[in-house]
Structure formats: C-alpha cells, structure tokens
Amino acid sequence: MEYQVRDNKWRQAKVGVLLGGLSEEREVSLRSGKAMATALRRQGFDVTEIDVARDLPARLVASGIQVAVLALHGPYGEDGTVQGLLEILGIPYTGSGVASSANCMDKGLCKRLLRDQGLPTPPWVICRGRLAPDSDETTRRSEARRLAEEVRAAGLRYPLFVKPHRSGSSVGIARVATFEELAGGLAGALAVSAEILVEQGVIGREVTLSVFDGQGLPLVGILPSDTFFDYHCKYTAGRTRYPIPPPDLDEETMAEATRLGVAAYECAGCRGLARVDLMIDADNKPWILEINTIPGMTETSLAPKAAAHAGLSFDALVERILAGATLEQCGAGC
C-alpha cells in the first residue's frame, strides 16, 4: 500500500481522541489513544484527548470537537454505543458505524453473519449464565458446571476456547481440553460476562489480517510463547513473535486467508481499519475467528505492524484513519 499525500479535510478541525472508557480494556485503550493523539500532534493537528466516562455526552458538547478519533476497545466504545451517540450529536467519527460495530462486538451474531454468507468459522455454542450480581464464588462455580454440561451436550470437540460474549483483547478467554478445565474456564468467564461463547478449537497456525478501507494489508503470523495468544502474550513486549509473512504458509493459502478476511470485513459492513483473526488448520484451510472493528494501536499492536510492512508509517496510518471520519447517516460527504 502506497501512502499518497493529500489534503485532509480535518486539517483545520478540532480533533477529539476518545480513549480509556468503561470496559476491562481501559488500559489498552489509554495506550492506543495516547499513541494516536501523539501521532496527530506530530503532524500539526489540534488534538484534545477525552477519557470516556458516564458524562461523555456533556463533555463532547463542552469540548467543541468537530471530529472524533475512536481509540476505544470493548463495551461502551467498540460496540456501537459511542458511535450512536456521535451520530446523534452530529460529530463525524473514525471506523465502523453503529450496526457494524454492534454486530462484530457480539461474537455469536458475528459468527452467524459469517456462516450465513458461507464463510468458514469454527462451530460454537452460546452459554447464558443465571447468576445474581452479588453471587459468590461457590455459586459461580456451580453455575459454570451446569453450563459445562450444556456444552458437552452440544457435541463440540476439545480443545475448546471459552470467550466472554461481548469482550475483546483476550480478556477472560481460556483454552480448555477437559471437562474440568471447561468448568473452570466458564467460571472465570462468568466473572466478566453472563453470556459466554464456547468455540471448537482449530489446531494449526494463528494469523491476522488488518483490512483498511476494504484493502487487505500483509498477513501477520502470531507465534505466542505460551499455549495460545492470551492477554499476557498480546500486551507484553517480547512474549509473542509476529512474522510477516507468516512462516510455513504457501502463497495460495495466504491469498485465500486474505480473500476470506476481506470478505468478512465486507460481510459485516466494516469501515476504515478493522482486523480479522483467523486460524489455518493442518490442511491449510483458513477459519475466521472474529472481527475487531477498533484494533489496538499500541507498540505491540498488529495493525500498525502490518501497515509498516506495507510501507505505511504509524503517523501516516493514523492520519489516514482520521481522513476517513464520517457520519453513517449522511455518507462520506459529511
């Protein structure tokens, strides 16, 4: 991808970078947002950082920002809620719109969209816990065993991945290979979410495809030092290697993974920068795991690595993300 210097319609605007937020991914979001704000300031933009809290509507009005760069991860930021607020206030914003953001944040709904379009995604089941907010650990573990029996009845094969239904950054995720591990993983996930997705694991190689404005960036391999790519491996420097291109994959397999990743982006109606995570099985068949509509923009994040390999610097990537800010209700001319 070659970056073409062009006028950015937001060059003279007051830019707000929305970061932090209310989810478990707050710390990652702060790092993403500060990195993006710094990149824009280096290029002469007038930037205000807004740490998202419950008073966001009033703060947006008081700030006087004319365009919003979204660096939020997880619920109350990546799920369509902030996007909807910005639509109401008439403040153009970066990334995917309301519906696309909500659909991709809901892991089960996203997988149904993929399946209905004939795109390969591993088998899964959604578990729904029945716990009072003040439930103690004993009650949570008992509920987790009940849900584990539901999963066993669904006939999924080990290994399985346990994922909070509407979360990201690998928060609360567990890889399990036995019934007892499954019950323990579900208990941990219940502490994050009442709804949990349990997905049949694909044995093979993990890769990720960042898609920017409908164009696939170079495929990135993910080689964690631990059993799988968990939160610790994802956000600790040196814990995971990210080879570009992924090793031991032929051109045909990488081309197919890229095709499927772009198809998933389009299927979900994504906009701007998004990241599609995939597994490549022993037969070199790619499987789509999920779509992230606001990928991390930290020093260890995958989208900036892919962009850099394509010749797009971090500053240029952030500037291009800002250039694409718009309102869903009135199209690119906003």
Protein backbone atom coordinates (compact mmCIF):
# COMPACT_ATOMS: atom_id res chain seq x y z
CA MET A 1 0.00 0.00 0.00
CA GLU A 2 1.49 3.32 -1.04
CA TYR A 3 0.53 6.36 1.00
CA GLN A 4 -0.46 9.27 -1.17
CA VAL A 5 -0.10 12.70 0.43
CA ARG A 6 -3.34 14.58 0.07
CA ASP A 7 -5.31 17.29 1.78
CA ASN A 8 -7.06 16.06 4.89
CA LYS A 9 -10.44 17.73 5.27
CA TRP A 10 -9.94 17.69 9.05
CA ARG A 11 -6.61 19.57 8.90
CA GLN A 12 -8.10 22.73 10.44
CA ALA A 13 -10.62 20.95 12.67
CA LYS A 14 -10.54 20.44 16.43
CA VAL A 15 -9.91 16.71 16.76
CA GLY A 16 -11.03 14.69 19.76
CA VAL A 17 -9.33 11.37 20.52
CA LEU A 18 -11.70 9.25 22.60
CA LEU A 19 -9.80 6.84 24.82
CA GLY A 20 -9.95 4.95 28.12
CA GLY A 21 -13.60 4.09 28.59
CA LEU A 22 -15.54 1.83 30.92
CA SER A 23 -14.55 -1.67 29.82
CA GLU A 24 -11.97 -4.17 31.04
CA GLU A 25 -9.83 -2.99 28.13
CA ARG A 26 -9.45 0.53 29.51
CA GLU A 27 -5.66 0.37 30.00
CA VAL A 28 -5.07 -0.85 26.44
CA SER A 29 -7.36 1.87 25.13
CA LEU A 30 -5.43 4.55 27.01
CA ARG A 31 -2.22 3.35 25.36
CA SER A 32 -3.84 3.22 21.91
CA GLY A 33 -5.39 6.66 22.27
CA LYS A 34 -2.30 8.39 23.57
CA ALA A 35 -0.21 6.92 20.75
CA MET A 36 -2.74 8.14 18.17
CA ALA A 37 -3.03 11.59 19.75
CA THR A 38 0.76 11.95 19.77
CA ALA A 39 0.97 10.92 16.11
CA LEU A 40 -1.61 13.54 15.11
CA ARG A 41 0.07 16.27 17.13
CA ARG A 42 3.37 15.48 15.42
CA GLN A 43 1.58 16.28 12.16
CA GLY A 44 0.22 19.60 13.39
CA PHE A 45 -3.37 18.64 14.24
CA ASP A 46 -5.23 20.36 17.08
CA VAL A 47 -5.95 17.38 19.36
CA THR A 48 -7.95 17.03 22.57
CA GLU A 49 -7.88 13.75 24.49
CA ILE A 50 -11.22 12.75 26.03
CA ASP A 51 -11.19 9.96 28.62
CA VAL A 52 -14.61 8.38 28.16
CA ALA A 53 -16.83 8.15 31.25
CA ARG A 54 -20.55 8.34 32.02
CA ASP A 55 -20.52 12.11 31.47
CA LEU A 56 -19.35 11.72 27.86
CA PRO A 57 -22.35 13.48 26.22
CA ALA A 58 -21.80 16.65 28.22
CA ARG A 59 -18.02 16.51 27.74
CA LEU A 60 -18.37 16.12 23.98
CA VAL A 61 -20.58 19.19 23.78
CA ALA A 62 -18.30 21.23 26.07
CA SER A 63 -15.13 20.19 24.22
CA GLY A 64 -16.22 21.72 20.92
CA ILE A 65 -14.55 18.94 18.92
CA GLN A 66 -15.53 18.71 15.27
CA VAL A 67 -14.39 15.14 14.59
CA ALA A 68 -13.72 12.11 16.80
CA VAL A 69 -10.94 9.53 16.54
CA LEU A 70 -12.09 6.40 18.33
CA ALA A 71 -9.41 4.53 20.26
CA LEU A 72 -11.88 2.68 22.48
CA HIS A 73 -11.89 -1.09 22.96
CA GLY A 74 -14.64 -3.33 24.25
CA PRO A 75 -18.12 -2.45 25.57
CA TYR A 76 -19.15 1.21 25.71
CA GLY A 77 -16.83 2.09 22.87
CA GLU A 78 -16.39 -0.61 20.26
CA ASP A 79 -19.96 -1.91 20.39
CA GLY A 80 -21.92 0.83 18.64
CA THR A 81 -22.91 2.79 21.75
CA VAL A 82 -20.46 5.68 21.37
CA GLN A 83 -20.95 5.58 17.61
CA GLY A 84 -24.69 6.08 18.12
CA LEU A 85 -24.08 8.99 20.49
CA LEU A 86 -21.80 10.67 17.97
CA GLU A 87 -24.42 10.17 15.25
CA ILE A 88 -26.98 11.96 17.44
CA LEU A 89 -24.57 14.81 18.20
CA GLY A 90 -23.55 15.09 14.55
CA ILE A 91 -19.84 14.56 15.23
CA PRO A 92 -18.13 12.54 12.45
CA TYR A 93 -16.02 9.66 13.77
CA THR A 94 -13.50 7.12 12.59
CA GLY A 95 -14.06 3.42 11.98
CA SER A 96 -17.16 1.31 11.56
CA GLY A 97 -20.69 2.56 12.06
CA VAL A 98 -23.31 1.71 14.67
CA ALA A 99 -24.68 -1.56 13.27
CA SER A 100 -21.36 -2.97 12.13
CA SER A 101 -19.73 -2.19 15.47
CA ALA A 102 -22.57 -3.83 17.41
CA ASN A 103 -22.63 -6.89 15.15
CA CYS A 104 -18.90 -7.53 15.42
CA MET A 105 -18.81 -6.99 19.18
CA ASP A 106 -21.47 -9.68 19.61
CA LYS A 107 -19.29 -12.72 18.90
CA GLY A 108 -22.19 -15.12 18.33
CA LEU A 109 -24.05 -12.75 16.00
CA CYS A 110 -20.86 -12.07 14.06
CA LYS A 111 -20.27 -15.79 13.58
CA ARG A 112 -23.87 -16.26 12.39
CA LEU A 113 -23.36 -13.49 9.82
CA LEU A 114 -20.21 -15.20 8.61
CA ARG A 115 -21.85 -18.62 8.46
CA ASP A 116 -24.90 -17.28 6.63
CA GLN A 117 -22.60 -15.81 3.96
CA GLY A 118 -20.87 -19.16 3.53
CA LEU A 119 -17.65 -18.02 5.22
CA PRO A 120 -15.85 -20.65 7.32
CA THR A 121 -15.96 -20.16 11.10
CA PRO A 122 -15.46 -22.88 13.76
CA PRO A 123 -18.54 -24.49 15.42
CA TRP A 124 -19.68 -22.78 18.62
CA VAL A 125 -22.35 -22.62 21.29
CA ILE A 126 -23.57 -19.67 23.37
CA CYS A 127 -23.96 -20.21 27.13
CA ARG A 128 -26.09 -17.91 29.27
CA GLY A 129 -25.44 -17.83 32.98
CA ARG A 130 -28.18 -17.31 35.55
CA LEU A 131 -26.41 -15.51 38.36
CA ALA A 132 -27.38 -12.67 40.66
CA PRO A 133 -24.92 -9.72 40.58
CA ASP A 134 -23.77 -10.49 44.14
CA SER A 135 -23.24 -14.23 43.61
CA ASP A 136 -20.30 -15.69 45.50
CA GLU A 137 -17.56 -17.87 44.01
CA THR A 138 -19.20 -21.12 45.08
CA THR A 139 -22.42 -20.21 43.29
CA ARG A 140 -20.50 -19.12 40.20
CA ARG A 141 -18.61 -22.40 40.04
CA SER A 142 -21.83 -24.36 40.40
CA GLU A 143 -23.38 -22.39 37.56
CA ALA A 144 -20.25 -22.95 35.50
CA ARG A 145 -20.60 -26.73 35.86
CA ARG A 146 -24.22 -26.50 34.70
CA LEU A 147 -23.09 -24.60 31.61
CA ALA A 148 -20.28 -27.10 31.03
CA GLU A 149 -22.90 -29.86 30.83
CA GLU A 150 -24.74 -27.81 28.18
CA VAL A 151 -21.54 -27.52 26.17
CA ARG A 152 -20.86 -31.25 26.47
CA ALA A 153 -24.38 -31.98 25.20
CA ALA A 154 -23.71 -29.77 22.14
CA GLY A 155 -21.06 -32.24 20.97
CA LEU A 156 -18.16 -29.85 20.42
CA ARG A 157 -14.72 -31.46 20.35
CA TYR A 158 -11.78 -30.50 22.54
CA PRO A 159 -9.80 -28.33 22.66
CA LEU A 160 -12.33 -25.57 23.19
CA PHE A 161 -11.97 -21.84 23.64
CA VAL A 162 -14.09 -20.09 26.25
CA LYS A 163 -14.70 -16.41 25.46
CA PRO A 164 -16.86 -13.74 27.12
CA HIS A 165 -19.53 -12.98 24.54
CA ARG A 166 -19.01 -9.22 24.23
CA SER A 167 -15.43 -8.56 25.15
CA GLY A 168 -12.08 -8.28 23.43
CA SER A 169 -8.30 -8.13 23.93
CA SER A 170 -8.49 -11.77 25.05
CA VAL A 171 -9.98 -10.69 28.40
CA GLY A 172 -11.41 -13.72 30.23
CA ILE A 173 -10.51 -16.17 27.45
CA ALA A 174 -9.40 -19.74 28.24
CA ARG A 175 -8.23 -22.74 26.23
CA VAL A 176 -9.58 -25.97 27.74
CA ALA A 177 -9.01 -29.64 26.95
CA THR A 178 -11.10 -31.46 29.59
CA PHE A 179 -14.49 -31.14 31.23
CA GLU A 180 -12.93 -29.89 34.48
CA GLU A 181 -10.92 -27.26 32.62
CA LEU A 182 -14.08 -26.26 30.77
CA ALA A 183 -15.95 -25.73 34.05
CA GLY A 184 -13.05 -23.66 35.38
CA GLY A 185 -12.86 -21.58 32.22
CA LEU A 186 -16.58 -20.91 32.32
CA ALA A 187 -16.34 -19.84 35.96
CA GLY A 188 -13.65 -17.33 35.03
CA ALA A 189 -15.63 -16.03 32.07
CA LEU A 190 -18.75 -15.61 34.21
CA ALA A 191 -16.83 -13.05 36.24
CA VAL A 192 -16.65 -10.94 33.06
CA SER A 193 -19.89 -11.73 31.23
CA ALA A 194 -23.20 -13.54 31.80
CA GLU A 195 -23.06 -14.67 28.17
CA ILE A 196 -20.18 -16.83 27.02
CA LEU A 197 -19.18 -18.20 23.63
CA VAL A 198 -17.56 -21.64 23.61
CA GLU A 199 -15.84 -22.34 20.31
CA GLN A 200 -14.35 -25.52 18.96
CA GLY A 201 -10.61 -25.03 18.66
CA VAL A 202 -8.80 -25.22 15.33
CA ILE A 203 -5.43 -26.93 15.62
CA GLY A 204 -2.97 -25.04 13.48
CA ARG A 205 -1.43 -21.61 12.99
CA GLU A 206 -2.94 -18.30 14.03
CA VAL A 207 -2.78 -15.33 11.67
CA THR A 208 -4.43 -11.95 11.47
CA LEU A 209 -5.41 -9.73 8.58
CA SER A 210 -5.81 -5.99 9.01
CA VAL A 211 -8.17 -4.52 6.42
CA PHE A 212 -8.01 -0.80 5.70
CA ASP A 213 -10.71 0.80 3.56
CA GLY A 214 -11.51 -2.59 2.07
CA GLN A 215 -7.91 -3.47 1.21
CA GLY A 216 -6.05 -6.26 2.96
CA LEU A 217 -2.69 -5.37 4.50
CA PRO A 218 0.07 -8.00 4.72
CA LEU A 219 -0.91 -11.11 6.67
CA VAL A 220 0.73 -11.34 10.10
CA GLY A 221 1.65 -14.59 11.86
CA ILE A 222 1.08 -14.93 15.61
CA LEU A 223 3.56 -17.14 17.46
CA PRO A 224 2.98 -16.78 21.24
CA SER A 225 5.45 -18.11 23.79
CA ASP A 226 2.58 -19.68 25.75
CA THR A 227 -0.11 -22.18 24.72
CA PHE A 228 -2.26 -19.57 22.99
CA PHE A 229 -2.46 -15.86 22.32
CA ASP A 230 -3.88 -14.67 25.66
CA TYR A 231 -3.96 -11.18 27.19
CA HIS A 232 -0.48 -11.55 28.67
CA CYS A 233 1.08 -12.58 25.37
CA LYS A 234 -0.86 -9.95 23.47
CA TYR A 235 0.24 -6.93 25.51
CA THR A 236 3.64 -7.89 26.92
CA ALA A 237 6.54 -6.98 24.67
CA GLY A 238 8.64 -9.98 23.71
CA ARG A 239 6.05 -12.63 24.63
CA THR A 240 4.89 -13.17 21.05
CA ARG A 241 6.59 -13.10 17.65
CA TYR A 242 4.76 -11.59 14.69
CA PRO A 243 6.44 -12.74 11.47
CA ILE A 244 5.40 -11.08 8.22
CA PRO A 245 4.63 -13.06 6.16
CA PRO A 246 3.64 -15.98 8.41
CA PRO A 247 6.11 -18.87 8.18
CA ASP A 248 5.29 -22.21 6.56
CA LEU A 249 2.31 -20.87 4.58
CA ASP A 250 2.33 -21.04 0.82
CA GLU A 251 1.19 -18.17 -1.40
CA GLU A 252 -2.11 -19.88 -2.20
CA THR A 253 -3.03 -20.28 1.47
CA MET A 254 -2.10 -16.68 2.29
CA ALA A 255 -4.10 -15.43 -0.68
CA GLU A 256 -7.15 -17.42 0.47
CA ALA A 257 -6.80 -16.14 4.05
CA THR A 258 -6.63 -12.59 2.69
CA ARG A 259 -9.65 -13.13 0.47
CA LEU A 260 -11.70 -14.51 3.37
CA GLY A 261 -10.60 -11.72 5.70
CA VAL A 262 -11.66 -9.02 3.26
CA ALA A 263 -14.94 -10.89 2.62
CA ALA A 264 -15.59 -10.97 6.38
CA TYR A 265 -14.90 -7.21 6.64
CA GLU A 266 -17.36 -6.55 3.82
CA CYS A 267 -19.95 -9.01 5.14
CA ALA A 268 -20.03 -7.19 8.48
CA GLY A 269 -20.20 -3.76 6.83
CA CYS A 270 -16.95 -2.54 8.36
CA ARG A 271 -15.41 0.83 7.57
CA GLY A 272 -11.92 2.26 7.94
CA LEU A 273 -9.48 -0.01 9.78
CA ALA A 274 -10.55 -3.40 11.15
CA ARG A 275 -8.73 -6.64 11.95
CA VAL A 276 -9.87 -10.19 11.15
CA ASP A 277 -8.38 -13.03 13.20
CA LEU A 278 -8.06 -16.45 11.56
CA MET A 279 -6.70 -19.95 12.17
CA ILE A 280 -5.08 -22.07 9.46
CA ASP A 281 -5.71 -25.78 10.05
CA ALA A 282 -3.49 -28.77 9.22
CA ASP A 283 -4.99 -28.91 5.70
CA ASN A 284 -4.14 -25.21 5.11
CA LYS A 285 -7.79 -24.22 5.31
CA PRO A 286 -8.39 -20.77 6.89
CA TRP A 287 -11.11 -20.37 9.54
CA ILE A 288 -12.40 -16.95 10.60
CA LEU A 289 -12.49 -16.44 14.37
CA GLU A 290 -13.71 -12.87 14.84
CA ILE A 291 -13.61 -9.29 13.60
CA ASN A 292 -12.23 -6.37 15.63
CA THR A 293 -13.62 -3.03 14.46
CA ILE A 294 -11.19 -0.89 16.51
CA PRO A 295 -7.87 -2.72 16.52
CA GLY A 296 -5.24 -1.84 19.10
CA MET A 297 -2.79 0.91 18.21
CA THR A 298 -0.12 0.26 20.86
CA GLU A 299 3.57 -0.50 20.37
CA THR A 300 2.78 -4.24 20.20
CA SER A 301 -0.38 -3.95 18.11
CA LEU A 302 -0.79 -5.91 14.92
CA ALA A 303 -2.43 -3.43 12.54
CA PRO A 304 0.45 -0.91 12.76
CA LYS A 305 2.94 -3.75 12.20
CA ALA A 306 1.11 -4.80 9.03
CA ALA A 307 0.83 -1.21 7.81
CA ALA A 308 4.55 -0.61 8.40
CA HIS A 309 5.39 -3.72 6.38
CA ALA A 310 3.30 -2.26 3.55
CA GLY A 311 5.25 0.99 3.72
CA LEU A 312 2.72 2.98 5.76
CA SER A 313 4.27 4.60 8.85
CA PHE A 314 2.37 4.84 12.14
CA ASP A 315 1.85 8.59 11.70
CA ALA A 316 0.61 8.13 8.14
CA LEU A 317 -1.73 5.33 9.22
CA VAL A 318 -3.28 7.45 11.95
CA GLU A 319 -3.64 10.42 9.60
CA ARG A 320 -5.40 8.23 7.06
CA ILE A 321 -7.70 6.85 9.75
CA LEU A 322 -8.67 10.42 10.65
CA ALA A 323 -9.18 11.32 6.98
CA GLY A 324 -11.90 8.65 6.75
CA ALA A 325 -14.02 10.02 9.61
CA THR A 326 -17.66 10.44 8.66
CA LEU A 327 -21.24 10.08 9.85
CA GLU A 328 -23.13 6.95 8.87
CA GLN A 329 -26.38 8.79 8.25
CA CYS A 330 -25.04 11.17 5.62
CA GLY A 331 -22.19 9.31 3.95
CA ALA A 332 -18.66 10.29 3.07
CA GLY A 333 -19.58 13.89 2.31
CA CYS A 334 -20.07 14.78 5.98
